[in-house]
N, C-alpha and C. Protein backbone atom coordinates (compact mmCIF):
# COMPACT_ATOMS: atom_id res chain seq x y z
N MET A 1 78.58 98.37 90.50
CA MET A 1 79.82 97.99 91.18
C MET A 1 80.31 99.11 92.10
N ILE A 2 80.98 98.71 93.15
CA ILE A 2 81.51 99.67 94.09
C ILE A 2 82.70 100.43 93.49
N SER A 3 83.36 99.83 92.50
CA SER A 3 84.50 100.46 91.82
C SER A 3 84.24 100.50 90.32
N ASN A 4 84.68 101.58 89.68
CA ASN A 4 84.53 101.70 88.23
C ASN A 4 85.61 100.94 87.47
N LYS A 5 86.76 100.75 88.10
CA LYS A 5 87.90 100.15 87.40
C LYS A 5 88.23 98.73 87.85
N PHE A 6 87.90 98.40 89.10
CA PHE A 6 88.37 97.15 89.68
C PHE A 6 87.19 96.28 90.12
N SER A 7 87.17 95.04 89.66
CA SER A 7 86.07 94.14 90.02
C SER A 7 86.49 93.07 91.03
N ASN A 8 87.79 92.80 91.12
CA ASN A 8 88.25 91.71 91.99
C ASN A 8 88.51 92.23 93.41
N ILE A 9 87.41 92.58 94.07
CA ILE A 9 87.46 93.08 95.45
C ILE A 9 86.89 92.01 96.37
N LEU A 10 87.63 91.67 97.41
CA LEU A 10 87.21 90.65 98.36
C LEU A 10 87.02 91.27 99.74
N VAL A 11 85.84 91.09 100.32
CA VAL A 11 85.60 91.44 101.72
C VAL A 11 85.75 90.14 102.51
N PHE A 12 86.55 90.15 103.57
CA PHE A 12 86.80 88.89 104.25
C PHE A 12 86.89 89.04 105.76
N ASP A 13 86.74 87.92 106.42
CA ASP A 13 86.87 87.83 107.88
C ASP A 13 87.31 86.42 108.20
N ILE A 14 88.14 86.27 109.22
CA ILE A 14 88.55 84.94 109.63
C ILE A 14 88.08 84.66 111.05
N GLU A 15 87.85 83.40 111.34
CA GLU A 15 87.64 82.93 112.71
C GLU A 15 88.83 82.04 113.05
N THR A 16 89.21 82.06 114.32
CA THR A 16 90.45 81.40 114.72
C THR A 16 90.28 80.62 116.01
N ILE A 17 91.30 79.82 116.30
CA ILE A 17 91.40 79.12 117.57
C ILE A 17 92.80 79.36 118.10
N GLY A 18 92.92 79.56 119.40
CA GLY A 18 94.24 79.79 119.99
C GLY A 18 94.20 80.89 121.03
N ASN A 19 95.37 81.28 121.51
CA ASN A 19 95.49 82.27 122.58
C ASN A 19 95.67 83.67 121.98
N ILE A 20 94.57 84.39 121.87
CA ILE A 20 94.62 85.71 121.24
C ILE A 20 95.36 86.73 122.09
N SER A 21 95.52 86.47 123.38
CA SER A 21 96.21 87.42 124.26
C SER A 21 97.73 87.20 124.27
N SER A 22 98.20 86.19 123.57
CA SER A 22 99.63 85.92 123.52
C SER A 22 100.36 87.00 122.73
N PRO A 23 101.57 87.39 123.15
CA PRO A 23 102.34 88.35 122.37
C PRO A 23 102.74 87.79 121.00
N ASN A 24 102.70 86.46 120.87
CA ASN A 24 103.00 85.80 119.60
C ASN A 24 101.73 85.24 118.96
N PHE A 25 100.63 86.00 119.09
CA PHE A 25 99.34 85.47 118.65
C PHE A 25 99.31 85.14 117.16
N ILE A 26 100.06 85.88 116.34
CA ILE A 26 100.04 85.61 114.90
C ILE A 26 100.58 84.21 114.62
N ASP A 27 101.64 83.82 115.33
CA ASP A 27 102.20 82.49 115.15
C ASP A 27 101.32 81.41 115.78
N GLU A 28 100.68 81.75 116.89
CA GLU A 28 99.96 80.73 117.66
C GLU A 28 98.52 80.52 117.20
N MET A 29 97.88 81.55 116.65
CA MET A 29 96.49 81.42 116.24
C MET A 29 96.38 80.61 114.95
N GLN A 30 95.36 79.77 114.89
CA GLN A 30 95.11 78.96 113.70
C GLN A 30 93.73 79.31 113.13
N VAL A 31 93.63 79.38 111.82
CA VAL A 31 92.36 79.67 111.16
C VAL A 31 91.43 78.47 111.27
N THR A 32 90.17 78.73 111.59
CA THR A 32 89.16 77.67 111.55
C THR A 32 88.27 77.81 110.31
N VAL A 33 87.95 79.07 109.96
CA VAL A 33 87.13 79.31 108.77
C VAL A 33 87.38 80.73 108.27
N VAL A 34 87.30 80.90 106.96
CA VAL A 34 87.39 82.22 106.34
C VAL A 34 86.08 82.49 105.62
N GLY A 35 85.51 83.66 105.86
CA GLY A 35 84.31 84.08 105.13
C GLY A 35 84.69 85.15 104.13
N VAL A 36 84.16 85.05 102.91
CA VAL A 36 84.54 85.96 101.84
C VAL A 36 83.31 86.40 101.05
N TYR A 37 83.25 87.70 100.73
CA TYR A 37 82.32 88.18 99.71
C TYR A 37 83.16 88.60 98.52
N ASN A 38 82.83 88.06 97.34
CA ASN A 38 83.55 88.33 96.11
C ASN A 38 82.69 89.23 95.22
N TYR A 39 83.12 90.48 95.02
CA TYR A 39 82.33 91.41 94.22
C TYR A 39 82.22 90.96 92.77
N ALA A 40 83.26 90.35 92.23
CA ALA A 40 83.25 89.94 90.83
C ALA A 40 82.15 88.92 90.56
N ARG A 41 81.88 88.06 91.54
CA ARG A 41 80.85 87.02 91.38
C ARG A 41 79.58 87.31 92.16
N ASP A 42 79.58 88.41 92.94
CA ASP A 42 78.45 88.72 93.81
C ASP A 42 78.09 87.49 94.64
N GLU A 43 79.08 86.99 95.37
CA GLU A 43 78.92 85.69 96.03
C GLU A 43 79.58 85.69 97.40
N TYR A 44 78.86 85.13 98.37
CA TYR A 44 79.42 84.86 99.69
C TYR A 44 79.84 83.40 99.76
N GLN A 45 80.98 83.14 100.41
CA GLN A 45 81.43 81.76 100.53
C GLN A 45 82.31 81.59 101.76
N ASN A 46 82.19 80.42 102.38
CA ASN A 46 83.06 80.05 103.49
C ASN A 46 84.12 79.07 103.03
N TYR A 47 85.28 79.14 103.65
CA TYR A 47 86.36 78.20 103.40
C TYR A 47 86.89 77.71 104.74
N PHE A 48 86.68 76.43 105.04
CA PHE A 48 87.25 75.87 106.25
C PHE A 48 88.73 75.59 106.02
N ILE A 49 89.44 75.28 107.09
CA ILE A 49 90.89 75.17 107.04
C ILE A 49 91.36 74.24 105.92
N GLU A 50 90.66 73.15 105.72
CA GLU A 50 91.08 72.18 104.69
C GLU A 50 90.73 72.65 103.28
N GLU A 51 90.00 73.76 103.17
CA GLU A 51 89.57 74.27 101.87
C GLU A 51 90.30 75.55 101.46
N LEU A 52 91.30 75.97 102.23
CA LEU A 52 91.94 77.26 101.97
C LEU A 52 92.61 77.31 100.60
N SER A 53 93.03 76.17 100.09
CA SER A 53 93.65 76.17 98.76
C SER A 53 92.67 76.62 97.68
N GLU A 54 91.37 76.44 97.92
CA GLU A 54 90.35 76.84 96.95
C GLU A 54 90.21 78.36 96.85
N LEU A 55 90.68 79.06 97.87
CA LEU A 55 90.62 80.52 97.89
C LEU A 55 91.85 81.15 97.23
N GLU A 56 92.88 80.37 97.02
CA GLU A 56 94.17 80.90 96.56
C GLU A 56 94.06 81.67 95.25
N ALA A 57 93.36 81.12 94.27
CA ALA A 57 93.26 81.79 92.96
C ALA A 57 92.59 83.16 93.08
N ASP A 58 91.54 83.25 93.89
CA ASP A 58 90.86 84.53 94.07
C ASP A 58 91.76 85.55 94.75
N LEU A 59 92.54 85.09 95.72
CA LEU A 59 93.47 85.99 96.40
C LEU A 59 94.54 86.51 95.44
N LYS A 60 95.03 85.65 94.58
CA LYS A 60 96.06 86.06 93.62
C LYS A 60 95.53 87.10 92.64
N GLN A 61 94.25 87.03 92.33
CA GLN A 61 93.65 87.97 91.38
C GLN A 61 93.09 89.22 92.05
N ALA A 62 93.09 89.25 93.38
CA ALA A 62 92.42 90.33 94.10
C ALA A 62 93.07 91.69 93.86
N ASP A 63 92.24 92.68 93.60
CA ASP A 63 92.69 94.07 93.50
C ASP A 63 92.68 94.75 94.87
N LEU A 64 91.80 94.27 95.77
CA LEU A 64 91.65 94.90 97.08
C LEU A 64 91.10 93.89 98.06
N LEU A 65 91.67 93.89 99.27
CA LEU A 65 91.13 93.14 100.40
C LEU A 65 90.48 94.13 101.35
N VAL A 66 89.25 93.85 101.74
CA VAL A 66 88.51 94.72 102.66
C VAL A 66 88.22 93.94 103.93
N GLY A 67 88.53 94.54 105.07
CA GLY A 67 88.25 93.89 106.34
C GLY A 67 88.13 94.91 107.45
N PHE A 68 88.00 94.38 108.67
CA PHE A 68 87.94 95.24 109.85
C PHE A 68 89.03 94.77 110.80
N ASN A 69 90.06 95.59 110.97
CA ASN A 69 91.26 95.24 111.72
C ASN A 69 92.05 94.13 111.02
N ASN A 70 91.85 94.00 109.73
CA ASN A 70 92.50 92.91 109.00
C ASN A 70 94.01 93.10 108.89
N ASP A 71 94.50 94.34 108.83
CA ASP A 71 95.95 94.54 108.72
C ASP A 71 96.68 94.02 109.95
N HIS A 72 96.02 94.08 111.10
CA HIS A 72 96.65 93.68 112.36
C HIS A 72 96.37 92.22 112.71
N PHE A 73 95.22 91.70 112.27
CA PHE A 73 94.80 90.36 112.72
C PHE A 73 94.59 89.39 111.57
N ASP A 74 93.56 89.61 110.76
CA ASP A 74 93.17 88.63 109.75
C ASP A 74 94.26 88.36 108.72
N THR A 75 94.82 89.43 108.15
CA THR A 75 95.78 89.25 107.06
C THR A 75 97.07 88.56 107.52
N PRO A 76 97.72 89.00 108.62
CA PRO A 76 98.94 88.30 109.02
C PRO A 76 98.72 86.84 109.41
N ILE A 77 97.57 86.52 109.99
CA ILE A 77 97.31 85.12 110.34
C ILE A 77 97.04 84.30 109.08
N LEU A 78 96.19 84.81 108.19
CA LEU A 78 95.88 84.10 106.96
C LEU A 78 97.11 83.98 106.07
N ASN A 79 98.01 84.94 106.15
CA ASN A 79 99.22 84.98 105.33
C ASN A 79 100.08 83.73 105.52
N LYS A 80 99.98 83.10 106.70
CA LYS A 80 100.80 81.92 107.00
C LYS A 80 100.44 80.73 106.11
N TYR A 81 99.25 80.77 105.52
CA TYR A 81 98.74 79.60 104.80
C TYR A 81 99.01 79.64 103.29
N TYR A 82 99.66 80.69 102.82
CA TYR A 82 99.86 80.84 101.38
C TYR A 82 101.33 81.12 101.06
N PRO A 83 101.78 80.70 99.87
CA PRO A 83 103.18 80.88 99.48
C PRO A 83 103.48 82.26 98.89
N PHE A 84 102.51 83.18 98.96
CA PHE A 84 102.71 84.54 98.48
C PHE A 84 102.26 85.51 99.56
N ASP A 85 102.62 86.77 99.40
CA ASP A 85 102.41 87.76 100.46
C ASP A 85 101.09 88.49 100.28
N LEU A 86 100.15 88.27 101.18
CA LEU A 86 98.85 88.96 101.10
C LEU A 86 99.00 90.47 101.30
N PHE A 87 100.09 90.89 101.93
CA PHE A 87 100.31 92.32 102.14
C PHE A 87 100.70 93.03 100.85
N SER A 88 100.93 92.28 99.78
CA SER A 88 101.21 92.91 98.49
C SER A 88 99.92 93.35 97.79
N ILE A 89 98.77 92.95 98.35
CA ILE A 89 97.47 93.33 97.80
C ILE A 89 96.98 94.58 98.54
N ALA A 90 96.45 95.53 97.82
CA ALA A 90 95.90 96.73 98.45
C ALA A 90 94.87 96.34 99.51
N SER A 91 94.88 97.05 100.63
CA SER A 91 94.00 96.72 101.74
C SER A 91 93.20 97.95 102.18
N PHE A 92 91.90 97.76 102.34
CA PHE A 92 91.06 98.80 102.96
C PHE A 92 90.63 98.24 104.31
N ASP A 93 91.44 98.54 105.32
CA ASP A 93 91.14 98.13 106.69
C ASP A 93 90.26 99.23 107.29
N ILE A 94 89.00 98.93 107.50
CA ILE A 94 88.04 99.94 107.97
C ILE A 94 88.47 100.53 109.31
N LEU A 95 88.96 99.68 110.22
CA LEU A 95 89.39 100.18 111.52
C LEU A 95 90.60 101.11 111.36
N ARG A 96 91.55 100.73 110.52
CA ARG A 96 92.72 101.59 110.29
C ARG A 96 92.31 102.96 109.76
N GLU A 97 91.41 102.96 108.79
CA GLU A 97 90.97 104.23 108.20
C GLU A 97 90.13 105.03 109.20
N PHE A 98 89.30 104.35 109.98
CA PHE A 98 88.50 105.03 111.00
C PHE A 98 89.40 105.69 112.04
N LYS A 99 90.42 104.95 112.49
CA LYS A 99 91.34 105.50 113.48
C LYS A 99 92.13 106.67 112.91
N ALA A 100 92.51 106.58 111.64
CA ALA A 100 93.25 107.67 111.00
C ALA A 100 92.42 108.95 110.95
N ASN A 101 91.10 108.81 110.87
CA ASN A 101 90.21 109.97 110.77
C ASN A 101 89.68 110.46 112.12
N THR A 102 89.72 109.61 113.15
CA THR A 102 89.15 109.99 114.45
C THR A 102 90.16 109.93 115.59
N GLY A 103 91.23 109.17 115.41
CA GLY A 103 92.16 108.94 116.51
C GLY A 103 91.65 107.90 117.50
N LYS A 104 90.53 107.25 117.18
CA LYS A 104 89.90 106.30 118.11
C LYS A 104 89.88 104.90 117.51
N ARG A 105 89.86 103.89 118.40
CA ARG A 105 89.67 102.50 118.01
C ARG A 105 88.34 102.02 118.57
N LEU A 106 87.44 101.63 117.71
CA LEU A 106 86.16 101.08 118.14
C LEU A 106 85.94 99.74 117.45
N GLY A 107 85.08 98.92 118.03
CA GLY A 107 84.80 97.62 117.47
C GLY A 107 83.82 97.69 116.31
N LEU A 108 83.79 96.61 115.55
CA LEU A 108 82.87 96.50 114.42
C LEU A 108 81.43 96.69 114.88
N ASP A 109 81.09 96.10 116.02
CA ASP A 109 79.72 96.16 116.51
C ASP A 109 79.28 97.59 116.81
N ALA A 110 80.17 98.38 117.43
CA ALA A 110 79.82 99.76 117.80
C ALA A 110 79.57 100.61 116.56
N ILE A 111 80.44 100.47 115.55
CA ILE A 111 80.27 101.27 114.34
C ILE A 111 79.07 100.80 113.54
N ALA A 112 78.89 99.49 113.44
CA ALA A 112 77.74 98.95 112.70
C ALA A 112 76.43 99.35 113.37
N GLY A 113 76.41 99.29 114.70
CA GLY A 113 75.18 99.62 115.41
C GLY A 113 74.73 101.05 115.16
N MET A 114 75.68 101.98 115.17
CA MET A 114 75.35 103.39 114.96
C MET A 114 75.13 103.72 113.48
N THR A 115 75.95 103.15 112.61
CA THR A 115 75.88 103.50 111.19
C THR A 115 74.75 102.78 110.48
N LEU A 116 74.59 101.49 110.77
CA LEU A 116 73.64 100.65 110.03
C LEU A 116 72.37 100.33 110.83
N GLY A 117 72.48 100.39 112.15
CA GLY A 117 71.31 100.08 112.97
C GLY A 117 71.17 98.61 113.30
N PHE A 118 72.18 97.80 112.99
CA PHE A 118 72.14 96.41 113.43
C PHE A 118 73.53 95.96 113.86
N HIS A 119 73.59 94.80 114.52
CA HIS A 119 74.78 94.40 115.28
C HIS A 119 75.29 93.03 114.88
N LYS A 120 76.48 92.72 115.41
CA LYS A 120 77.07 91.41 115.24
C LYS A 120 76.20 90.34 115.89
N SER A 121 76.33 89.11 115.42
CA SER A 121 75.52 88.02 115.96
C SER A 121 76.23 87.27 117.09
N GLY A 122 77.46 87.68 117.42
CA GLY A 122 78.19 87.01 118.49
C GLY A 122 79.56 87.63 118.65
N THR A 123 80.48 86.89 119.30
CA THR A 123 81.83 87.37 119.54
C THR A 123 82.84 86.34 119.06
N GLY A 124 84.11 86.76 119.01
CA GLY A 124 85.16 85.82 118.64
C GLY A 124 85.26 84.66 119.61
N ALA A 125 85.01 84.92 120.89
CA ALA A 125 85.03 83.84 121.89
C ALA A 125 83.92 82.84 121.61
N ASN A 126 82.74 83.35 121.24
CA ASN A 126 81.64 82.46 120.86
C ASN A 126 82.04 81.59 119.67
N ALA A 127 82.76 82.19 118.71
CA ALA A 127 83.17 81.45 117.52
C ALA A 127 84.12 80.31 117.88
N MET A 128 85.02 80.56 118.82
CA MET A 128 85.92 79.49 119.27
C MET A 128 85.14 78.34 119.88
N THR A 129 84.13 78.68 120.70
CA THR A 129 83.30 77.65 121.32
C THR A 129 82.54 76.84 120.28
N LEU A 130 82.02 77.50 119.26
CA LEU A 130 81.31 76.80 118.20
C LEU A 130 82.23 75.79 117.52
N TYR A 131 83.47 76.19 117.28
CA TYR A 131 84.42 75.28 116.64
C TYR A 131 84.75 74.10 117.56
N GLN A 132 85.00 74.39 118.83
CA GLN A 132 85.39 73.35 119.78
C GLN A 132 84.27 72.34 120.01
N THR A 133 83.03 72.78 119.85
CA THR A 133 81.89 71.88 120.07
C THR A 133 81.37 71.29 118.76
N GLY A 134 82.09 71.53 117.68
CA GLY A 134 81.74 70.90 116.41
C GLY A 134 80.55 71.51 115.69
N LYS A 135 80.15 72.72 116.08
CA LYS A 135 79.00 73.37 115.44
C LYS A 135 79.49 74.21 114.26
N LEU A 136 79.97 73.51 113.23
CA LEU A 136 80.65 74.17 112.13
C LEU A 136 79.71 74.99 111.26
N GLN A 137 78.47 74.55 111.10
CA GLN A 137 77.53 75.32 110.29
C GLN A 137 77.21 76.65 110.96
N GLU A 138 77.02 76.62 112.28
CA GLU A 138 76.78 77.86 113.02
C GLU A 138 78.00 78.78 112.96
N LEU A 139 79.19 78.18 113.03
CA LEU A 139 80.43 78.95 112.92
C LEU A 139 80.52 79.64 111.57
N ALA A 140 80.20 78.90 110.50
CA ALA A 140 80.24 79.46 109.14
C ALA A 140 79.25 80.62 109.00
N GLU A 141 78.06 80.45 109.57
CA GLU A 141 77.03 81.50 109.49
C GLU A 141 77.47 82.74 110.27
N TYR A 142 78.06 82.53 111.44
CA TYR A 142 78.56 83.66 112.23
C TYR A 142 79.62 84.44 111.46
N CYS A 143 80.55 83.70 110.84
CA CYS A 143 81.63 84.34 110.10
C CYS A 143 81.08 85.15 108.93
N LEU A 144 80.15 84.57 108.19
CA LEU A 144 79.58 85.30 107.05
C LEU A 144 78.75 86.49 107.49
N ASN A 145 78.13 86.41 108.67
CA ASN A 145 77.41 87.58 109.18
C ASN A 145 78.37 88.74 109.42
N ASP A 146 79.57 88.45 109.92
CA ASP A 146 80.57 89.50 110.09
C ASP A 146 81.02 90.05 108.75
N VAL A 147 81.15 89.17 107.76
CA VAL A 147 81.52 89.63 106.41
C VAL A 147 80.45 90.56 105.86
N LYS A 148 79.18 90.20 106.06
CA LYS A 148 78.09 91.04 105.57
C LYS A 148 78.09 92.40 106.25
N LEU A 149 78.32 92.43 107.56
CA LEU A 149 78.40 93.70 108.28
C LEU A 149 79.56 94.55 107.75
N THR A 150 80.71 93.91 107.57
CA THR A 150 81.89 94.62 107.07
C THR A 150 81.62 95.18 105.68
N LYS A 151 81.00 94.39 104.82
CA LYS A 151 80.66 94.84 103.47
C LYS A 151 79.72 96.04 103.51
N GLU A 152 78.71 95.98 104.36
CA GLU A 152 77.74 97.08 104.45
C GLU A 152 78.41 98.36 104.94
N ILE A 153 79.29 98.24 105.93
CA ILE A 153 79.99 99.43 106.43
C ILE A 153 80.92 99.99 105.36
N PHE A 154 81.63 99.10 104.66
CA PHE A 154 82.52 99.52 103.58
C PHE A 154 81.74 100.28 102.51
N GLU A 155 80.63 99.74 102.07
CA GLU A 155 79.84 100.39 101.02
C GLU A 155 79.26 101.72 101.51
N TYR A 156 78.83 101.76 102.76
CA TYR A 156 78.33 103.01 103.34
C TYR A 156 79.43 104.07 103.33
N CYS A 157 80.61 103.66 103.74
CA CYS A 157 81.76 104.57 103.79
C CYS A 157 82.09 105.12 102.40
N ILE A 158 82.13 104.25 101.40
CA ILE A 158 82.53 104.65 100.05
C ILE A 158 81.44 105.46 99.35
N THR A 159 80.18 105.08 99.54
CA THR A 159 79.10 105.76 98.81
C THR A 159 78.62 107.02 99.51
N LYS A 160 78.55 107.00 100.85
CA LYS A 160 78.05 108.17 101.58
C LYS A 160 79.18 109.05 102.11
N GLN A 161 80.41 108.51 102.16
CA GLN A 161 81.60 109.27 102.54
C GLN A 161 81.62 109.69 104.02
N TYR A 162 80.93 108.93 104.86
CA TYR A 162 81.02 109.17 106.30
C TYR A 162 80.56 107.92 107.04
N LEU A 163 80.87 107.85 108.34
CA LEU A 163 80.38 106.80 109.22
C LEU A 163 79.86 107.45 110.50
N ILE A 164 79.02 106.73 111.22
CA ILE A 164 78.49 107.18 112.50
C ILE A 164 79.05 106.29 113.60
N TYR A 165 79.44 106.91 114.72
CA TYR A 165 79.96 106.11 115.83
C TYR A 165 79.50 106.72 117.15
N PRO A 166 79.51 105.94 118.23
CA PRO A 166 79.02 106.45 119.52
C PRO A 166 80.08 107.24 120.26
N SER A 167 79.63 108.22 121.04
CA SER A 167 80.54 108.92 121.95
C SER A 167 81.00 107.95 123.03
N LYS A 168 82.00 108.35 123.79
CA LYS A 168 82.57 107.46 124.80
C LYS A 168 81.53 107.00 125.81
N ASP A 169 80.61 107.90 126.17
CA ASP A 169 79.57 107.52 127.13
C ASP A 169 78.37 106.85 126.47
N GLY A 170 78.38 106.78 125.14
CA GLY A 170 77.31 106.09 124.43
C GLY A 170 76.06 106.92 124.17
N TRP A 171 76.06 108.16 124.63
CA TRP A 171 74.85 108.98 124.52
C TRP A 171 74.72 109.69 123.19
N LEU A 172 75.83 109.98 122.55
CA LEU A 172 75.80 110.79 121.33
C LEU A 172 76.14 109.97 120.09
N ARG A 173 75.52 110.36 118.98
CA ARG A 173 75.87 109.80 117.67
C ARG A 173 76.80 110.81 116.99
N LEU A 174 78.04 110.38 116.74
CA LEU A 174 79.04 111.27 116.15
C LEU A 174 79.29 110.86 114.70
N LYS A 175 79.57 111.84 113.88
CA LYS A 175 79.79 111.61 112.46
C LYS A 175 81.24 111.90 112.11
N VAL A 176 81.85 111.01 111.32
CA VAL A 176 83.21 111.24 110.86
C VAL A 176 83.23 111.14 109.33
N ASP A 177 83.84 112.12 108.70
CA ASP A 177 83.98 112.08 107.24
C ASP A 177 84.96 110.97 106.86
N MET A 178 84.59 110.20 105.85
CA MET A 178 85.44 109.13 105.31
C MET A 178 85.44 109.31 103.79
N LYS A 179 86.22 110.26 103.34
CA LYS A 179 86.16 110.66 101.93
C LYS A 179 87.24 109.92 101.13
N TYR A 180 86.81 108.99 100.30
CA TYR A 180 87.73 108.18 99.52
C TYR A 180 87.25 108.08 98.08
N ASP A 181 88.19 108.20 97.16
CA ASP A 181 87.98 107.79 95.78
C ASP A 181 88.56 106.39 95.70
N LEU A 182 87.70 105.38 95.64
CA LEU A 182 88.14 104.00 95.80
C LEU A 182 89.13 103.58 94.72
N ASP A 183 88.87 103.98 93.48
CA ASP A 183 89.79 103.59 92.40
C ASP A 183 91.19 104.16 92.64
N ASN A 184 91.27 105.42 93.05
CA ASN A 184 92.56 106.02 93.36
C ASN A 184 93.21 105.33 94.56
N PHE A 185 92.40 105.00 95.55
CA PHE A 185 92.91 104.32 96.75
C PHE A 185 93.57 103.00 96.37
N ILE A 186 92.89 102.23 95.51
CA ILE A 186 93.44 100.93 95.11
C ILE A 186 94.74 101.12 94.34
N GLU A 187 94.75 102.06 93.41
CA GLU A 187 95.94 102.30 92.60
C GLU A 187 97.13 102.74 93.46
N GLN A 188 96.86 103.57 94.44
CA GLN A 188 97.93 104.10 95.27
C GLN A 188 98.45 103.09 96.29
N ASN A 189 97.62 102.12 96.64
CA ASN A 189 97.99 101.18 97.70
C ASN A 189 98.36 99.79 97.21
N SER A 190 98.27 99.57 95.92
CA SER A 190 98.64 98.26 95.38
C SER A 190 100.15 98.13 95.31
N GLN A 191 100.66 97.02 95.81
CA GLN A 191 102.09 96.74 95.77
C GLN A 191 102.38 95.48 94.97
N LYS A 192 101.42 95.05 94.17
CA LYS A 192 101.61 93.82 93.41
C LYS A 192 102.80 93.94 92.47
N SER A 193 103.48 92.85 92.32
CA SER A 193 104.55 92.77 91.33
C SER A 193 104.45 91.42 90.64
N GLN A 194 105.20 91.24 89.61
CA GLN A 194 105.17 89.96 88.91
C GLN A 194 105.76 88.84 89.77
N TYR A 195 106.43 89.21 90.87
CA TYR A 195 107.05 88.20 91.73
C TYR A 195 106.25 87.92 92.99
N SER A 196 105.53 88.92 93.50
CA SER A 196 104.94 88.79 94.83
C SER A 196 103.84 87.74 94.91
N LEU A 197 103.16 87.47 93.81
CA LEU A 197 102.03 86.54 93.85
C LEU A 197 102.32 85.27 93.05
N LEU A 198 103.55 84.93 92.86
CA LEU A 198 103.90 83.71 92.15
C LEU A 198 103.56 82.49 92.99
């Protein structure tokens, strides 16, 4: 296990439809599919919009949510669909932690390419097109591929304690220390209460 104390860790990613450039994008964007890896069950699963209630129990039990830019995008949008606050669950936002250590914002693809040697299978715009054209199986596969990349980067960060990213011109491979004790991180960042997840 990635954690000695906590088993209910969820790595997740959402795909959406709507105007992402809107200043009110959180209100305007709608979820099309959620991809999740559940450490407790060692299982990947997709949840389409009509299936989000099936994810509720796992979210209520979650010790940690892991994502990439999830604090800014995935979590606030997904939060609209549940009667409890997802921000009460400890969050390991890889982009947030990367920026805190480097002062830079880079995409999932750039960090995955340098750290892991492989890349995303598409873009968010591609995902919208897949949904609009009814290619839901391809959409689900794309979403889970992002979840797998996020999981691999998360595990690399926690086990090796660093990540690799490209220089601005793309010529150099730069290393940033990412030193975390995951169990302590979860304990320090959990805001769960007996009321927040009712």
